[in-house]
Amino acid sequence: MNTTFGKKILTPPITLKPTFVVCEKEDATFYSGYGIFPKVRPFTDLYLLKKILNSEIMETYISATAKSYRGGWRAYSKTFIENFGIPKLSSKDVEFLKREKDQKAINDFLREIYYERSKIFMTAFIMQ
């Protein structure tokens, strides 16, 4: 059974910075790269999860853990992405992230959550 079908977030395997995109077409599949299929609320909201994955927090995490290539390219592979911790978010946090469009404000907010507030992490998605 092909498990690449369904709504998902896609990312290339090697890129300069976080490049996660939402694919809402449930009948679409993919050949190269990775698909993220959220399994835990509130991260079943693909756009909310995408904001976290495209943040400076993810970029810093990948810079510290993933293989680097010439020219600043980094491996955004399953091994590294699935070990990226997602903090527990309050309903107020979720509403802020859903509402906010400015990436700098999102990065500042996530920096506070990751570095100052949260000590408890959970796995929020599975990789295919």
N, C-alpha and C. Protein backbone atom coordinates (compact mmCIF):
# COMPACT_ATOMS: atom_id res chain seq x y z
N MET A 1 0.84 -1.19 0.00
CA MET A 1 0.00 0.00 0.00
C MET A 1 0.88 1.24 0.00
N ASN A 2 0.58 2.17 -0.88
CA ASN A 2 1.36 3.40 -0.97
C ASN A 2 0.85 4.39 0.09
N THR A 3 1.72 4.77 0.99
CA THR A 3 1.32 5.69 2.06
C THR A 3 1.70 7.13 1.77
N THR A 4 2.08 7.43 0.53
CA THR A 4 2.45 8.81 0.19
C THR A 4 1.23 9.64 -0.19
N PHE A 5 0.05 9.02 -0.26
CA PHE A 5 -1.16 9.75 -0.59
C PHE A 5 -1.73 10.41 0.67
N GLY A 6 -2.49 11.47 0.46
CA GLY A 6 -3.09 12.21 1.56
C GLY A 6 -2.49 13.59 1.67
N LYS A 7 -3.10 14.42 2.48
CA LYS A 7 -2.57 15.77 2.71
C LYS A 7 -1.24 15.63 3.44
N LYS A 8 -0.29 16.49 3.07
CA LYS A 8 1.06 16.34 3.60
C LYS A 8 1.85 17.63 3.47
N ILE A 9 3.00 17.66 4.11
CA ILE A 9 3.99 18.71 3.93
C ILE A 9 5.17 18.06 3.22
N LEU A 10 5.65 18.71 2.17
CA LEU A 10 6.77 18.19 1.39
C LEU A 10 8.01 19.04 1.60
N THR A 11 9.17 18.39 1.51
CA THR A 11 10.45 19.11 1.57
C THR A 11 11.46 18.38 0.70
N PRO A 12 12.36 19.13 0.06
CA PRO A 12 13.43 18.47 -0.70
C PRO A 12 14.45 17.87 0.27
N PRO A 13 15.22 16.88 -0.18
CA PRO A 13 16.20 16.26 0.71
C PRO A 13 17.41 17.13 1.01
N ILE A 14 17.77 18.02 0.12
CA ILE A 14 18.91 18.91 0.32
C ILE A 14 18.49 20.31 -0.10
N THR A 15 18.72 21.29 0.78
CA THR A 15 18.33 22.66 0.50
C THR A 15 19.16 23.62 1.33
N LEU A 16 19.12 24.90 0.97
CA LEU A 16 19.90 25.91 1.69
C LEU A 16 19.25 26.31 3.01
N LYS A 17 17.94 26.27 3.07
CA LYS A 17 17.19 26.68 4.27
C LYS A 17 15.91 25.87 4.32
N PRO A 18 15.17 25.94 5.41
CA PRO A 18 13.92 25.18 5.48
C PRO A 18 12.99 25.56 4.33
N THR A 19 12.55 24.56 3.60
CA THR A 19 11.68 24.77 2.44
C THR A 19 10.55 23.74 2.49
N PHE A 20 9.64 23.94 3.40
CA PHE A 20 8.52 23.03 3.58
C PHE A 20 7.29 23.64 2.94
N VAL A 21 6.57 22.86 2.14
CA VAL A 21 5.36 23.33 1.46
C VAL A 21 4.22 22.37 1.73
N VAL A 22 3.02 22.92 1.81
CA VAL A 22 1.82 22.12 2.05
C VAL A 22 1.28 21.61 0.71
N CYS A 23 0.94 20.33 0.67
CA CYS A 23 0.27 19.72 -0.48
C CYS A 23 -1.07 19.21 0.02
N GLU A 24 -2.15 19.87 -0.40
CA GLU A 24 -3.49 19.48 0.05
C GLU A 24 -4.15 18.45 -0.85
N LYS A 25 -3.55 18.17 -1.99
CA LYS A 25 -4.13 17.21 -2.93
C LYS A 25 -3.93 15.79 -2.40
N GLU A 26 -5.01 15.19 -1.94
CA GLU A 26 -4.91 13.88 -1.31
C GLU A 26 -4.54 12.78 -2.29
N ASP A 27 -4.81 12.99 -3.59
CA ASP A 27 -4.48 11.97 -4.58
C ASP A 27 -3.09 12.18 -5.18
N ALA A 28 -2.36 13.20 -4.71
CA ALA A 28 -1.00 13.46 -5.21
C ALA A 28 0.00 12.65 -4.40
N THR A 29 1.02 12.17 -5.09
CA THR A 29 2.11 11.47 -4.43
C THR A 29 3.40 12.21 -4.77
N PHE A 30 4.52 11.73 -4.29
CA PHE A 30 5.80 12.39 -4.57
C PHE A 30 6.86 11.34 -4.80
N TYR A 31 7.89 11.73 -5.51
CA TYR A 31 8.95 10.79 -5.87
C TYR A 31 10.25 11.07 -5.12
N SER A 32 10.63 12.32 -5.05
CA SER A 32 11.89 12.69 -4.40
C SER A 32 11.59 13.65 -3.27
N GLY A 33 12.36 13.55 -2.21
CA GLY A 33 12.12 14.40 -1.05
C GLY A 33 11.39 13.62 0.02
N TYR A 34 10.81 14.34 0.94
CA TYR A 34 10.16 13.71 2.08
C TYR A 34 8.77 14.30 2.28
N GLY A 35 7.87 13.45 2.76
CA GLY A 35 6.52 13.87 3.10
C GLY A 35 6.31 13.74 4.59
N ILE A 36 5.69 14.74 5.15
CA ILE A 36 5.38 14.75 6.58
C ILE A 36 3.86 14.66 6.72
N PHE A 37 3.43 13.66 7.49
CA PHE A 37 2.02 13.39 7.69
C PHE A 37 1.70 13.57 9.17
N PRO A 38 1.14 14.73 9.57
CA PRO A 38 0.88 14.99 10.99
C PRO A 38 -0.06 13.96 11.60
N LYS A 39 0.22 13.61 12.87
CA LYS A 39 -0.60 12.63 13.57
C LYS A 39 -1.13 13.11 14.91
N VAL A 40 -0.67 14.26 15.40
CA VAL A 40 -1.05 14.75 16.72
C VAL A 40 -1.60 16.17 16.59
N ARG A 41 -2.77 16.41 17.17
CA ARG A 41 -3.32 17.77 17.19
C ARG A 41 -2.48 18.64 18.11
N PRO A 42 -2.29 19.94 17.87
CA PRO A 42 -2.88 20.74 16.81
C PRO A 42 -2.09 20.68 15.51
N PHE A 43 -1.10 19.80 15.43
CA PHE A 43 -0.22 19.79 14.27
C PHE A 43 -0.84 19.11 13.06
N THR A 44 -2.08 18.62 13.18
CA THR A 44 -2.78 18.14 12.01
C THR A 44 -3.15 19.32 11.12
N ASP A 45 -3.04 20.54 11.63
CA ASP A 45 -3.17 21.75 10.82
C ASP A 45 -1.84 21.92 10.09
N LEU A 46 -1.83 21.56 8.81
CA LEU A 46 -0.59 21.58 8.04
C LEU A 46 0.07 22.94 8.00
N TYR A 47 -0.74 23.99 7.96
CA TYR A 47 -0.17 25.34 7.86
C TYR A 47 0.49 25.78 9.16
N LEU A 48 -0.05 25.34 10.28
CA LEU A 48 0.56 25.62 11.58
C LEU A 48 1.92 24.91 11.67
N LEU A 49 1.94 23.64 11.34
CA LEU A 49 3.19 22.88 11.38
C LEU A 49 4.21 23.43 10.40
N LYS A 50 3.76 23.84 9.23
CA LYS A 50 4.66 24.42 8.23
C LYS A 50 5.36 25.66 8.78
N LYS A 51 4.64 26.49 9.53
CA LYS A 51 5.26 27.70 10.10
C LYS A 51 6.39 27.34 11.06
N ILE A 52 6.21 26.28 11.83
CA ILE A 52 7.25 25.85 12.76
C ILE A 52 8.43 25.26 11.99
N LEU A 53 8.13 24.43 11.00
CA LEU A 53 9.20 23.78 10.24
C LEU A 53 10.00 24.75 9.38
N ASN A 54 9.40 25.84 8.95
CA ASN A 54 10.11 26.84 8.14
C ASN A 54 10.77 27.92 8.99
N SER A 55 10.84 27.72 10.28
CA SER A 55 11.37 28.74 11.20
C SER A 55 12.89 28.70 11.33
N GLU A 56 13.42 29.74 11.95
CA GLU A 56 14.85 29.78 12.27
C GLU A 56 15.21 28.68 13.26
N ILE A 57 14.27 28.25 14.07
CA ILE A 57 14.52 27.16 15.03
C ILE A 57 14.89 25.89 14.26
N MET A 58 14.12 25.57 13.23
CA MET A 58 14.43 24.40 12.41
C MET A 58 15.77 24.58 11.70
N GLU A 59 16.01 25.76 11.17
CA GLU A 59 17.27 26.03 10.47
C GLU A 59 18.47 25.85 11.41
N THR A 60 18.35 26.34 12.64
CA THR A 60 19.41 26.18 13.64
C THR A 60 19.59 24.71 13.99
N TYR A 61 18.50 24.00 14.16
CA TYR A 61 18.56 22.58 14.48
C TYR A 61 19.27 21.80 13.37
N ILE A 62 18.89 22.04 12.12
CA ILE A 62 19.50 21.34 11.00
C ILE A 62 20.98 21.70 10.89
N SER A 63 21.31 22.97 11.10
CA SER A 63 22.72 23.39 11.06
C SER A 63 23.55 22.66 12.10
N ALA A 64 22.95 22.37 13.24
CA ALA A 64 23.68 21.71 14.33
C ALA A 64 23.73 20.19 14.19
N THR A 65 22.79 19.61 13.45
CA THR A 65 22.69 18.14 13.45
C THR A 65 22.90 17.48 12.09
N ALA A 66 22.56 18.16 11.02
CA ALA A 66 22.53 17.50 9.70
C ALA A 66 23.85 17.62 8.96
N LYS A 67 23.99 16.78 7.98
CA LYS A 67 25.16 16.81 7.11
C LYS A 67 25.15 18.09 6.30
N SER A 68 26.33 18.72 6.19
CA SER A 68 26.43 19.92 5.37
C SER A 68 27.19 19.61 4.09
N TYR A 69 26.85 20.36 3.05
CA TYR A 69 27.47 20.21 1.74
C TYR A 69 28.07 21.54 1.32
N ARG A 70 28.92 21.50 0.33
CA ARG A 70 29.55 22.71 -0.20
C ARG A 70 28.49 23.74 -0.57
N GLY A 71 28.80 24.99 -0.31
CA GLY A 71 27.90 26.09 -0.68
C GLY A 71 26.80 26.36 0.33
N GLY A 72 26.88 25.74 1.50
CA GLY A 72 25.87 25.99 2.53
C GLY A 72 24.64 25.10 2.46
N TRP A 73 24.63 24.14 1.55
CA TRP A 73 23.50 23.23 1.42
C TRP A 73 23.48 22.28 2.61
N ARG A 74 22.30 21.91 3.06
CA ARG A 74 22.12 21.02 4.22
C ARG A 74 21.18 19.87 3.86
N ALA A 75 21.40 18.76 4.53
CA ALA A 75 20.55 17.59 4.34
C ALA A 75 19.32 17.73 5.24
N TYR A 76 18.17 17.86 4.63
CA TYR A 76 16.89 17.87 5.36
C TYR A 76 16.29 16.49 5.21
N SER A 77 16.95 15.51 5.79
CA SER A 77 16.53 14.12 5.62
C SER A 77 15.64 13.67 6.77
N LYS A 78 15.01 12.53 6.53
CA LYS A 78 14.10 11.94 7.51
C LYS A 78 14.77 11.78 8.88
N THR A 79 16.01 11.33 8.86
CA THR A 79 16.75 11.10 10.11
C THR A 79 16.75 12.33 11.00
N PHE A 80 16.95 13.48 10.42
CA PHE A 80 17.05 14.71 11.21
C PHE A 80 15.68 15.32 11.48
N ILE A 81 14.82 15.34 10.47
CA ILE A 81 13.51 15.98 10.63
C ILE A 81 12.66 15.27 11.68
N GLU A 82 12.64 13.94 11.65
CA GLU A 82 11.76 13.24 12.59
C GLU A 82 12.23 13.34 14.04
N ASN A 83 13.46 13.75 14.26
CA ASN A 83 13.96 13.95 15.62
C ASN A 83 13.84 15.40 16.10
N PHE A 84 13.29 16.26 15.26
CA PHE A 84 13.08 17.66 15.61
C PHE A 84 11.94 17.73 16.63
N GLY A 85 12.20 18.28 17.80
CA GLY A 85 11.20 18.37 18.85
C GLY A 85 10.20 19.48 18.62
N ILE A 86 8.95 19.16 18.86
CA ILE A 86 7.87 20.15 18.79
C ILE A 86 7.36 20.35 20.21
N PRO A 87 7.38 21.58 20.71
CA PRO A 87 6.93 21.80 22.09
C PRO A 87 5.41 21.70 22.21
N LYS A 88 4.96 21.41 23.41
CA LYS A 88 3.53 21.50 23.67
C LYS A 88 3.15 22.97 23.59
N LEU A 89 2.05 23.24 22.91
CA LEU A 89 1.58 24.61 22.74
C LEU A 89 0.24 24.79 23.42
N SER A 90 0.07 25.95 24.05
CA SER A 90 -1.23 26.28 24.63
C SER A 90 -2.17 26.68 23.50
N SER A 91 -3.45 26.76 23.78
CA SER A 91 -4.41 27.19 22.76
C SER A 91 -4.11 28.62 22.33
N LYS A 92 -3.60 29.44 23.25
CA LYS A 92 -3.22 30.81 22.92
C LYS A 92 -2.02 30.81 21.95
N ASP A 93 -1.05 29.92 22.18
CA ASP A 93 0.10 29.80 21.28
C ASP A 93 -0.35 29.38 19.88
N VAL A 94 -1.25 28.41 19.83
CA VAL A 94 -1.75 27.91 18.55
C VAL A 94 -2.46 29.02 17.79
N GLU A 95 -3.30 29.77 18.48
CA GLU A 95 -4.03 30.86 17.83
C GLU A 95 -3.07 31.92 17.29
N PHE A 96 -2.04 32.25 18.07
CA PHE A 96 -1.05 33.22 17.60
C PHE A 96 -0.38 32.71 16.32
N LEU A 97 0.08 31.48 16.33
CA LEU A 97 0.78 30.94 15.16
C LEU A 97 -0.14 30.83 13.94
N LYS A 98 -1.39 30.49 14.15
CA LYS A 98 -2.33 30.42 13.03
C LYS A 98 -2.57 31.80 12.42
N ARG A 99 -2.64 32.80 13.27
CA ARG A 99 -2.97 34.16 12.86
C ARG A 99 -1.77 34.90 12.25
N GLU A 100 -0.58 34.69 12.79
CA GLU A 100 0.60 35.49 12.43
C GLU A 100 1.13 35.15 11.04
N LYS A 101 1.41 36.18 10.26
CA LYS A 101 1.95 36.02 8.90
C LYS A 101 3.42 36.43 8.81
N ASP A 102 3.86 37.29 9.71
CA ASP A 102 5.22 37.82 9.66
C ASP A 102 6.22 36.79 10.19
N GLN A 103 7.16 36.36 9.33
CA GLN A 103 8.10 35.31 9.73
C GLN A 103 9.00 35.74 10.88
N LYS A 104 9.38 37.01 10.94
CA LYS A 104 10.22 37.47 12.04
C LYS A 104 9.48 37.33 13.37
N ALA A 105 8.21 37.72 13.38
CA ALA A 105 7.40 37.59 14.60
C ALA A 105 7.23 36.12 14.99
N ILE A 106 7.05 35.26 14.00
CA ILE A 106 6.94 33.82 14.26
C ILE A 106 8.25 33.30 14.84
N ASN A 107 9.37 33.70 14.25
CA ASN A 107 10.68 33.26 14.75
C ASN A 107 10.92 33.73 16.18
N ASP A 108 10.59 34.98 16.47
CA ASP A 108 10.76 35.51 17.84
C ASP A 108 9.90 34.73 18.83
N PHE A 109 8.66 34.48 18.45
CA PHE A 109 7.73 33.74 19.29
C PHE A 109 8.24 32.32 19.56
N LEU A 110 8.66 31.64 18.50
CA LEU A 110 9.16 30.27 18.65
C LEU A 110 10.46 30.22 19.45
N ARG A 111 11.29 31.21 19.29
CA ARG A 111 12.53 31.28 20.07
C ARG A 111 12.19 31.33 21.56
N GLU A 112 11.19 32.13 21.92
CA GLU A 112 10.77 32.22 23.32
C GLU A 112 10.27 30.86 23.82
N ILE A 113 9.45 30.20 23.01
CA ILE A 113 8.90 28.91 23.41
C ILE A 113 10.00 27.86 23.55
N TYR A 114 10.87 27.77 22.56
CA TYR A 114 11.89 26.73 22.56
C TYR A 114 12.97 26.97 23.60
N TYR A 115 13.40 28.20 23.75
CA TYR A 115 14.56 28.47 24.60
C TYR A 115 14.22 28.95 26.00
N GLU A 116 13.03 29.48 26.20
CA GLU A 116 12.72 30.07 27.50
C GLU A 116 11.59 29.38 28.25
N ARG A 117 10.59 28.88 27.53
CA ARG A 117 9.40 28.37 28.21
C ARG A 117 9.30 26.86 28.26
N SER A 118 9.59 26.21 27.17
CA SER A 118 9.24 24.80 27.07
C SER A 118 10.39 23.86 27.38
N LYS A 119 10.09 22.88 28.19
CA LYS A 119 11.04 21.82 28.48
C LYS A 119 10.46 20.46 28.07
N ILE A 120 9.20 20.45 27.68
CA ILE A 120 8.52 19.21 27.34
C ILE A 120 8.25 19.19 25.84
N PHE A 121 8.74 18.15 25.19
CA PHE A 121 8.57 18.03 23.75
C PHE A 121 7.80 16.76 23.42
N MET A 122 7.21 16.74 22.25
CA MET A 122 6.51 15.55 21.81
C MET A 122 6.74 15.37 20.32
N THR A 123 6.57 14.16 19.83
CA THR A 123 6.65 13.89 18.41
C THR A 123 5.29 14.23 17.82
N ALA A 124 5.30 15.03 16.77
CA ALA A 124 4.04 15.52 16.24
C ALA A 124 3.72 15.00 14.84
N PHE A 125 4.60 14.21 14.25
CA PHE A 125 4.34 13.74 12.90
C PHE A 125 5.12 12.47 12.62
N ILE A 126 4.72 11.80 11.54
CA ILE A 126 5.48 10.65 11.08
C ILE A 126 6.02 10.97 9.70
N MET A 127 7.13 10.39 9.35
CA MET A 127 7.77 10.64 8.06
C MET A 127 7.57 9.44 7.15
N GLN A 128 7.42 9.70 5.86
CA GLN A 128 7.32 8.64 4.84
C GLN A 128 8.36 8.89 3.78
